[in-house]
C-alpha atoms as a PDB file:
ATOM      1  CA  MET A   1      -1.803  -8.593  18.326  1.00  0.00           C
ATOM      2  CA  SER A   2      -3.894 -10.558  15.862  1.00  0.00           C
ATOM      3  CA  ALA A   3      -4.409 -14.410  15.323  1.00  0.00           C
ATOM      4  CA  SER A   4      -5.581 -13.730  11.413  1.00  0.00           C
ATOM      5  CA  PRO A   5      -2.588 -12.339   9.368  1.00  0.00           C
ATOM      6  CA  ILE A   6      -2.408  -9.179   7.934  1.00  0.00           C
ATOM      7  CA  LEU A   7      -1.703  -9.026   3.866  1.00  0.00           C
ATOM      8  CA  ILE A   8       0.796  -6.410   2.607  1.00  0.00           C
ATOM      9  CA  THR A   9       0.968  -6.284  -1.284  1.00  0.00           C
ATOM     10  CA  GLY A  10       4.587  -5.241  -2.666  1.00  0.00           C
ATOM     11  CA  GLY A  11       5.806  -5.800   0.968  1.00  0.00           C
ATOM     12  CA  ALA A  12       9.437  -7.301   0.180  1.00  0.00           C
ATOM     13  CA  ARG A  13      11.596  -3.820   0.271  1.00  0.00           C
ATOM     14  CA  ARG A  14      11.373  -0.211   1.344  1.00  0.00           C
ATOM     15  CA  LEU A  15       7.806   1.090   2.935  1.00  0.00           C
ATOM     16  CA  GLY A  16       6.110  -2.309   2.609  1.00  0.00           C
ATOM     17  CA  ARG A  17       8.866  -4.678   4.567  1.00  0.00           C
ATOM     18  CA  HIS A  18       9.210  -1.903   7.251  1.00  0.00           C
ATOM     19  CA  CYS A  19       5.730  -2.283   7.961  1.00  0.00           C
ATOM     20  CA  ALA A  20       5.993  -5.962   7.742  1.00  0.00           C
ATOM     21  CA  GLU A  21       8.704  -6.123  10.258  1.00  0.00           C
ATOM     22  CA  ARG A  22       6.865  -3.727  12.465  1.00  0.00           C
ATOM     23  CA  LEU A  23       3.911  -5.787  12.423  1.00  0.00           C
ATOM     24  CA  LEU A  24       6.076  -8.762  13.378  1.00  0.00           C
ATOM     25  CA  ASP A  25       7.685  -7.033  16.140  1.00  0.00           C
ATOM     26  CA  ASP A  26       3.913  -6.268  17.251  1.00  0.00           C
ATOM     27  CA  GLY A  27       3.192 -10.000  17.297  1.00  0.00           C
ATOM     28  CA  HIS A  28       0.940 -10.297  13.729  1.00  0.00           C
ATOM     29  CA  PRO A  29       1.577 -12.701  11.409  1.00  0.00           C
ATOM     30  CA  VAL A  30       1.910 -11.399   7.871  1.00  0.00           C
ATOM     31  CA  ILE A  31       1.749 -12.260   4.072  1.00  0.00           C
ATOM     32  CA  ILE A  32       2.997 -10.657   1.830  1.00  0.00           C
ATOM     33  CA  SER A  33       3.128 -10.335  -1.944  1.00  0.00           C
ATOM     34  CA  TYR A  34       6.316  -9.520  -4.128  1.00  0.00           C
ATOM     35  CA  ARG A  35       7.087  -8.858  -7.675  1.00  0.00           C
ATOM     36  CA  ARG A  36      10.315 -10.577  -7.984  1.00  0.00           C
ATOM     37  CA  GLU A  37      12.800 -12.810  -5.816  1.00  0.00           C
ATOM     38  CA  ARG A  38      14.945 -10.635  -3.811  1.00  0.00           C
ATOM     39  CA  ASP A  39      17.981 -11.336  -1.091  1.00  0.00           C
ATOM     40  CA  GLU A  40      15.542  -9.488   1.600  1.00  0.00           C
ATOM     41  CA  LEU A  41      12.904 -12.267   1.592  1.00  0.00           C
ATOM     42  CA  GLU A  42      14.969 -14.590   3.238  1.00  0.00           C
ATOM     43  CA  ALA A  43      15.160 -12.583   6.232  1.00  0.00           C
ATOM     44  CA  LEU A  44      11.446 -12.465   5.879  1.00  0.00           C
ATOM     45  CA  ARG A  45      10.878 -15.861   5.702  1.00  0.00           C
ATOM     46  CA  ARG A  46      12.865 -16.826   8.778  1.00  0.00           C
ATOM     47  CA  ARG A  47      10.894 -14.697  10.609  1.00  0.00           C
ATOM     48  CA  GLY A  48       8.071 -16.925   9.399  1.00  0.00           C
ATOM     49  CA  VAL A  49       6.228 -14.342   6.847  1.00  0.00           C
ATOM     50  CA  ALA A  50       4.237 -16.216   4.103  1.00  0.00           C
ATOM     51  CA  THR A  51       5.862 -14.647   0.818  1.00  0.00           C
ATOM     52  CA  LEU A  52       3.513 -15.221  -2.346  1.00  0.00           C
ATOM     53  CA  GLN A  53       5.153 -13.911  -5.862  1.00  0.00           C
ATOM     54  CA  ALA A  54       2.627 -11.555  -7.621  1.00  0.00           C
ATOM     55  CA  ASP A  55       2.583  -9.968 -11.129  1.00  0.00           C
ATOM     56  CA  PHE A  56      -0.285  -7.205 -10.842  1.00  0.00           C
ATOM     57  CA  ALA A  57       0.478  -5.915 -14.286  1.00  0.00           C
ATOM     58  CA  SER A  58      -2.158  -8.028 -15.881  1.00  0.00           C
ATOM     59  CA  GLU A  59      -5.677  -9.402 -14.814  1.00  0.00           C
ATOM     60  CA  ALA A  60      -4.692 -12.891 -14.996  1.00  0.00           C
ATOM     61  CA  GLY A  61      -1.562 -12.102 -12.508  1.00  0.00           C
ATOM     62  CA  ILE A  62      -4.222 -10.561 -10.020  1.00  0.00           C
ATOM     63  CA  LEU A  63      -6.541 -13.154 -10.259  1.00  0.00           C
ATOM     64  CA  ASP A  64      -3.985 -16.051  -9.804  1.00  0.00           C
ATOM     65  CA  PHE A  65      -2.570 -14.117  -6.931  1.00  0.00           C
ATOM     66  CA  ILE A  66      -6.071 -14.119  -5.182  1.00  0.00           C
ATOM     67  CA  ALA A  67      -6.391 -17.635  -5.997  1.00  0.00           C
ATOM     68  CA  ARG A  68      -2.970 -18.819  -4.324  1.00  0.00           C
ATOM     69  CA  LEU A  69      -3.514 -16.489  -1.328  1.00  0.00           C
ATOM     70  CA  LYS A  70      -6.943 -18.367  -0.599  1.00  0.00           C
ATOM     71  CA  THR A  71      -4.826 -21.682  -0.041  1.00  0.00           C
ATOM     72  CA  GLU A  72      -2.345 -19.889   2.252  1.00  0.00           C
ATOM     73  CA  THR A  73      -4.886 -18.736   4.376  1.00  0.00           C
ATOM     74  CA  ASP A  74      -9.165 -18.575   5.132  1.00  0.00           C
ATOM     75  CA  THR A  75      -8.643 -15.424   7.243  1.00  0.00           C
ATOM     76  CA  LEU A  76      -7.159 -12.360   6.984  1.00  0.00           C
ATOM     77  CA  ARG A  77      -7.334  -9.403  10.049  1.00  0.00           C
ATOM     78  CA  ALA A  78      -6.444  -6.489   7.565  1.00  0.00           C
ATOM     79  CA  ILE A  79      -5.180  -5.688   3.664  1.00  0.00           C
ATOM     80  CA  VAL A  80      -2.452  -3.087   3.008  1.00  0.00           C
ATOM     81  CA  HIS A  81      -2.561  -2.248  -0.319  1.00  0.00           C
ATOM     82  CA  ASN A  82       1.085  -1.076  -0.867  1.00  0.00           C
ATOM     83  CA  ALA A  83       1.794  -2.403  -4.107  1.00  0.00           C
ATOM     84  CA  SER A  84       3.153   0.629  -6.449  1.00  0.00           C
ATOM     85  CA  ASP A  85       5.106   1.169  -9.655  1.00  0.00           C
ATOM     86  CA  TRP A  86       6.888   4.759 -10.069  1.00  0.00           C
ATOM     87  CA  THR A  87       7.209   4.468 -13.918  1.00  0.00           C
ATOM     88  CA  PRO A  88       7.611   8.126 -15.169  1.00  0.00           C
ATOM     89  CA  ASP A  89       5.332   9.283 -18.078  1.00  0.00           C
ATOM     90  CA  SER A  90       6.531   8.251 -21.722  1.00  0.00           C
ATOM     91  CA  PRO A  91       5.636  10.370 -24.549  1.00  0.00           C
ATOM     92  CA  GLY A  92       6.176   7.258 -27.286  1.00  0.00           C
ATOM     93  CA  ASP A  93       3.989   4.567 -28.423  1.00  0.00           C
ATOM     94  CA  ASP A  94       4.429   3.062 -25.099  1.00  0.00           C
ATOM     95  CA  ALA A  95       2.530   5.524 -23.301  1.00  0.00           C
ATOM     96  CA  GLY A  96      -0.753   3.808 -23.252  1.00  0.00           C
ATOM     97  CA  ALA A  97       0.924   0.469 -22.152  1.00  0.00           C
ATOM     98  CA  ASN A  98       2.515   2.220 -19.273  1.00  0.00           C
ATOM     99  CA  PHE A  99      -0.879   3.845 -17.955  1.00  0.00           C
ATOM    100  CA  GLU A 100      -2.504   0.663 -18.250  1.00  0.00           C
ATOM    101  CA  ARG A 101       0.010  -1.254 -15.946  1.00  0.00           C
ATOM    102  CA  LEU A 102      -0.030   1.541 -13.339  1.00  0.00           C
ATOM    103  CA  PHE A 103      -4.201   1.206 -13.476  1.00  0.00           C
ATOM    104  CA  ARG A 104      -4.001  -2.205 -12.997  1.00  0.00           C
ATOM    105  CA  VAL A 105      -1.078  -1.980 -10.391  1.00  0.00           C
ATOM    106  CA  HIS A 106      -2.741   1.073  -8.194  1.00  0.00           C
ATOM    107  CA  MET A 107      -6.531   0.325  -8.984  1.00  0.00           C
ATOM    108  CA  GLN A 108      -7.532  -2.914 -10.334  1.00  0.00           C
ATOM    109  CA  ALA A 109      -5.338  -5.106  -7.976  1.00  0.00           C
ATOM    110  CA  PRO A 110      -6.856  -3.249  -4.818  1.00  0.00           C
ATOM    111  CA  TYR A 111     -10.325  -3.294  -6.584  1.00  0.00           C
ATOM    112  CA  LEU A 112     -10.298  -7.103  -7.468  1.00  0.00           C
ATOM    113  CA  ILE A 113      -8.657  -8.305  -3.973  1.00  0.00           C
ATOM    114  CA  ASN A 114     -11.288  -6.178  -2.129  1.00  0.00           C
ATOM    115  CA  LEU A 115     -14.159  -7.720  -3.809  1.00  0.00           C
ATOM    116  CA  HIS A 116     -12.517 -11.306  -3.640  1.00  0.00           C
ATOM    117  CA  CYS A 117     -11.222 -11.288  -0.171  1.00  0.00           C
ATOM    118  CA  ARG A 118     -13.809  -9.884   1.545  1.00  0.00           C
ATOM    119  CA  GLU A 119     -14.772 -13.215   2.632  1.00  0.00           C
ATOM    120  CA  LEU A 120     -11.355 -13.793   4.261  1.00  0.00           C
ATOM    121  CA  LEU A 121     -11.542 -10.581   6.183  1.00  0.00           C
ATOM    122  CA  ALA A 122     -15.488 -11.662   7.498  1.00  0.00           C
ATOM    123  CA  ALA A 123     -14.101 -14.936   8.535  1.00  0.00           C
ATOM    124  CA  CYS A 124     -11.609 -13.186  11.121  1.00  0.00           C
ATOM    125  CA  PRO A 125     -12.796 -13.656  14.654  1.00  0.00           C
ATOM    126  CA  GLU A 126     -11.510 -10.199  15.977  1.00  0.00           C
ATOM    127  CA  PRO A 127     -13.851  -7.202  15.974  1.00  0.00           C
ATOM    128  CA  LEU A 128     -11.489  -5.224  14.126  1.00  0.00           C
ATOM    129  CA  ARG A 129     -10.999  -5.679  10.283  1.00  0.00           C
ATOM    130  CA  ASP A 130      -9.405  -3.434   7.853  1.00  0.00           C
ATOM    131  CA  ILE A 131      -8.580  -2.387   4.528  1.00  0.00           C
ATOM    132  CA  VAL A 132      -5.909   0.364   3.786  1.00  0.00           C
ATOM    133  CA  HIS A 133      -4.821   1.759   0.591  1.00  0.00           C
ATOM    134  CA  MET A 134      -1.203   3.111   0.150  1.00  0.00           C
ATOM    135  CA  SER A 135      -1.999   6.022  -1.466  1.00  0.00           C
ATOM    136  CA  ASP A 136       0.328   9.093  -2.530  1.00  0.00           C
ATOM    137  CA  TYR A 137       0.730  13.110  -1.673  1.00  0.00           C
ATOM    138  CA  VAL A 138       0.616  13.549  -5.557  1.00  0.00           C
ATOM    139  CA  ALA A 139      -2.981  12.071  -5.993  1.00  0.00           C
ATOM    140  CA  ARG A 140      -4.420  15.290  -4.948  1.00  0.00           C
ATOM    141  CA  ARG A 141      -1.570  17.851  -6.477  1.00  0.00           C
ATOM    142  CA  GLY A 142      -0.996  15.730  -9.545  1.00  0.00           C
ATOM    143  CA  SER A 143       2.633  15.800 -11.037  1.00  0.00           C
ATOM    144  CA  LYS A 144       4.018  17.050 -14.250  1.00  0.00           C
ATOM    145  CA  LYS A 145       6.537  14.235 -14.737  1.00  0.00           C
ATOM    146  CA  HIS A 146       4.254  11.223 -13.252  1.00  0.00           C
ATOM    147  CA  VAL A 147       0.729  12.172 -14.553  1.00  0.00           C
ATOM    148  CA  ALA A 148      -0.193   8.439 -15.091  1.00  0.00           C
ATOM    149  CA  TYR A 149       1.200   7.524 -11.683  1.00  0.00           C
ATOM    150  CA  ALA A 150      -0.656  10.472  -9.571  1.00  0.00           C
ATOM    151  CA  ALA A 151      -3.690   9.834 -11.784  1.00  0.00           C
ATOM    152  CA  THR A 152      -4.214   5.984 -10.913  1.00  0.00           C
ATOM    153  CA  LYS A 153      -3.394   6.907  -7.319  1.00  0.00           C
ATOM    154  CA  ALA A 154      -6.546   9.374  -7.340  1.00  0.00           C
ATOM    155  CA  GLY A 155      -8.367   6.759  -8.538  1.00  0.00           C
ATOM    156  CA  LEU A 156      -7.189   4.751  -5.452  1.00  0.00           C
ATOM    157  CA  ASP A 157      -8.413   7.311  -3.205  1.00  0.00           C
ATOM    158  CA  ASN A 158     -11.729   6.854  -4.767  1.00  0.00           C
ATOM    159  CA  LEU A 159     -12.142   3.122  -4.410  1.00  0.00           C
ATOM    160  CA  THR A 160     -11.233   4.270  -0.444  1.00  0.00           C
ATOM    161  CA  LEU A 161     -14.766   6.138  -0.340  1.00  0.00           C
ATOM    162  CA  SER A 162     -16.684   3.399  -2.466  1.00  0.00           C
ATOM    163  CA  PHE A 163     -15.452   0.517  -0.769  1.00  0.00           C
ATOM    164  CA  ALA A 164     -15.781   2.146   2.743  1.00  0.00           C
ATOM    165  CA  ALA A 165     -19.276   2.628   1.988  1.00  0.00           C
ATOM    166  CA  MET A 166     -19.866  -0.427   0.625  1.00  0.00           C
ATOM    167  CA  TYR A 167     -18.130  -2.659   3.677  1.00  0.00           C
ATOM    168  CA  ALA A 168     -19.361  -0.569   6.503  1.00  0.00           C
ATOM    169  CA  PRO A 169     -19.992  -1.290   9.389  1.00  0.00           C
ATOM    170  CA  SER A 170     -17.941  -4.731   9.568  1.00  0.00           C
ATOM    171  CA  ILE A 171     -14.887  -3.598   7.732  1.00  0.00           C
ATOM    172  CA  GLN A 172     -12.928  -0.061   7.829  1.00  0.00           C
ATOM    173  CA  VAL A 173     -11.647   1.175   4.675  1.00  0.00           C
ATOM    174  CA  ASN A 174      -8.971   3.679   4.578  1.00  0.00           C
ATOM    175  CA  ALA A 175      -5.934   5.193   2.717  1.00  0.00           C
ATOM    176  CA  ILE A 176      -2.792   6.920   3.663  1.00  0.00           C
ATOM    177  CA  ALA A 177      -1.027   9.403   1.601  1.00  0.00           C
ATOM    178  CA  PRO A 178       2.796  10.038   1.980  1.00  0.00           C
ATOM    179  CA  ALA A 179       4.969  12.631   0.486  1.00  0.00           C
ATOM    180  CA  LEU A 180       8.519  11.386   0.392  1.00  0.00           C
ATOM    181  CA  VAL A 181       9.506   9.990   3.733  1.00  0.00           C
ATOM    182  CA  MET A 182      12.648   7.804   2.664  1.00  0.00           C
ATOM    183  CA  LEU A 183      15.158   8.194   0.173  1.00  0.00           C
ATOM    184  CA  GLY A 184      16.133   6.336  -2.947  1.00  0.00           C
ATOM    185  CA  GLU A 185      19.322   4.466  -3.284  1.00  0.00           C
ATOM    186  CA  ASP A 186      20.601   6.932  -5.780  1.00  0.00           C
ATOM    187  CA  ASP A 187      19.472  10.029  -4.331  1.00  0.00           C
ATOM    188  CA  ASP A 188      22.016  12.310  -3.365  1.00  0.00           C
ATOM    189  CA  ALA A 189      22.434  15.484  -0.849  1.00  0.00           C
ATOM    190  CA  ALA A 190      21.268  17.783  -3.191  1.00  0.00           C
ATOM    191  CA  TYR A 191      17.680  15.950  -3.790  1.00  0.00           C
ATOM    192  CA  ALA A 192      17.743  15.310   0.030  1.00  0.00           C
ATOM    193  CA  GLU A 193      17.810  18.926   0.474  1.00  0.00           C
ATOM    194  CA  LYS A 194      15.543  20.104  -2.276  1.00  0.00           C
ATOM    195  CA  ALA A 195      12.856  17.054  -1.051  1.00  0.00           C
ATOM    196  CA  MET A 196      13.126  18.757   2.589  1.00  0.00           C
ATOM    197  CA  ALA A 197      12.392  22.299   1.392  1.00  0.00           C
ATOM    198  CA  LYS A 198       8.940  21.332   0.238  1.00  0.00           C
ATOM    199  CA  SER A 199       7.715  20.674   3.331  1.00  0.00           C
ATOM    200  CA  ALA A 200       7.086  22.880   6.507  1.00  0.00           C
ATOM    201  CA  MET A 201       8.727  20.313   8.891  1.00  0.00           C
ATOM    202  CA  ARG A 202      12.165  20.249   6.630  1.00  0.00           C
ATOM    203  CA  MET A 203      12.645  16.738   7.205  1.00  0.00           C
ATOM    204  CA  ILE A 204      12.678  13.036   5.519  1.00  0.00           C
ATOM    205  CA  PRO A 205      11.380  11.286   8.565  1.00  0.00           C
ATOM    206  CA  GLY A 206      11.669   7.642   7.467  1.00  0.00           C
ATOM    207  CA  PRO A 207       9.177   5.200   7.086  1.00  0.00           C
ATOM    208  CA  GLY A 208       8.257   4.956  10.767  1.00  0.00           C
ATOM    209  CA  VAL A 209       5.751   7.597  10.489  1.00  0.00           C
ATOM    210  CA  VAL A 210       3.520   5.505   7.944  1.00  0.00           C
ATOM    211  CA  TYR A 211       3.362   2.718   9.945  1.00  0.00           C
ATOM    212  CA  GLN A 212       2.539   4.819  13.072  1.00  0.00           C
ATOM    213  CA  SER A 213      -0.598   5.970  10.741  1.00  0.00           C
ATOM    214  CA  LEU A 214      -1.022   2.619   9.775  1.00  0.00           C
ATOM    215  CA  ARG A 215      -1.292   1.646  13.415  1.00  0.00           C
ATOM    216  CA  TYR A 216      -3.737   4.281  13.958  1.00  0.00           C
ATOM    217  CA  LEU A 217      -6.188   2.964  11.195  1.00  0.00           C
ATOM    218  CA  LEU A 218      -5.565  -0.644  12.865  1.00  0.00           C
ATOM    219  CA  ASP A 219      -6.175   0.250  16.149  1.00  0.00           C
ATOM    220  CA  ASN A 220      -9.035   2.932  15.914  1.00  0.00           C
ATOM    221  CA  ARG A 221     -12.743   1.555  15.419  1.00  0.00           C
ATOM    222  CA  TYR A 222     -14.486   4.532  14.492  1.00  0.00           C
ATOM    223  CA  VAL A 223     -12.508   5.760  11.232  1.00  0.00           C
ATOM    224  CA  THR A 224     -13.372   4.777   7.459  1.00  0.00           C
ATOM    225  CA  GLY A 225     -13.414   6.379   4.381  1.00  0.00           C
ATOM    226  CA  VAL A 226     -10.521   8.803   5.106  1.00  0.00           C
ATOM    227  CA  THR A 227      -7.372   9.548   3.113  1.00  0.00           C
ATOM    228  CA  LEU A 228      -4.600  10.214   5.807  1.00  0.00           C
ATOM    229  CA  PRO A 229      -2.108  12.835   4.875  1.00  0.00           C
ATOM    230  CA  VAL A 230       1.307  12.208   5.842  1.00  0.00           C
ATOM    231  CA  ASP A 231       3.339  14.725   4.004  1.00  0.00           C
ATOM    232  CA  GLY A 232       5.039  16.986   6.806  1.00  0.00           C
ATOM    233  CA  GLY A 233       2.904  20.250   6.066  1.00  0.00           C
ATOM    234  CA  ARG A 234       3.422  20.143   2.213  1.00  0.00           C
ATOM    235  CA  HIS A 235       0.083  21.912   1.707  1.00  0.00           C
ATOM    236  CA  LEU A 236       1.433  25.013   3.916  1.00  0.00           C
ATOM    237  CA  ARG A 237       4.137  25.558   1.543  1.00  0.00           C
END
């Protein structure tokens, strides 16, 4: 349980929302960022979650979010960088713009938030202070259809190493790299079977396995600078 809030970027839906709800269940106050208004946000607000709209596709949007965050709280227990954009590569004229957007969401936003919000973490009166980057299994394997996505997630892994060294020993910085842990709304049974065949565990476990990994990093005082794979043994295939 923490008196200082935990920030989750991209916390309105799917994995981010699940982690926000579980942290609330465990007694932690939570702040989330969200890109656009959704019905799910009202349920989080009723539970006391502070919700801040943010557009991480531009540097100005990132800095604006940071400024508003600092008016919301003067301390943070942890920052969980979950905001992500699963845009496939485009062979057309907008390829550069797509890459730039993914770079800003996956790398520049965590970079600037980590730098500008260090003081909020330092103000936390508790001995544990954490930054957790949500990376991806494909950051190490690569992707034929999501080259820019995989590359910018790999950059996020490298930020994990640099910030871990920079902020030790007072702030731990780690990453979690899940493979597919939950299906999308449009995924059918055939897609699910194909996805399960890629892992040694042959399952789609749900977002709970990522929350378990997050709790491990938040609760352990002797882990920093690591990227924790949560991929069901895909490397064994």
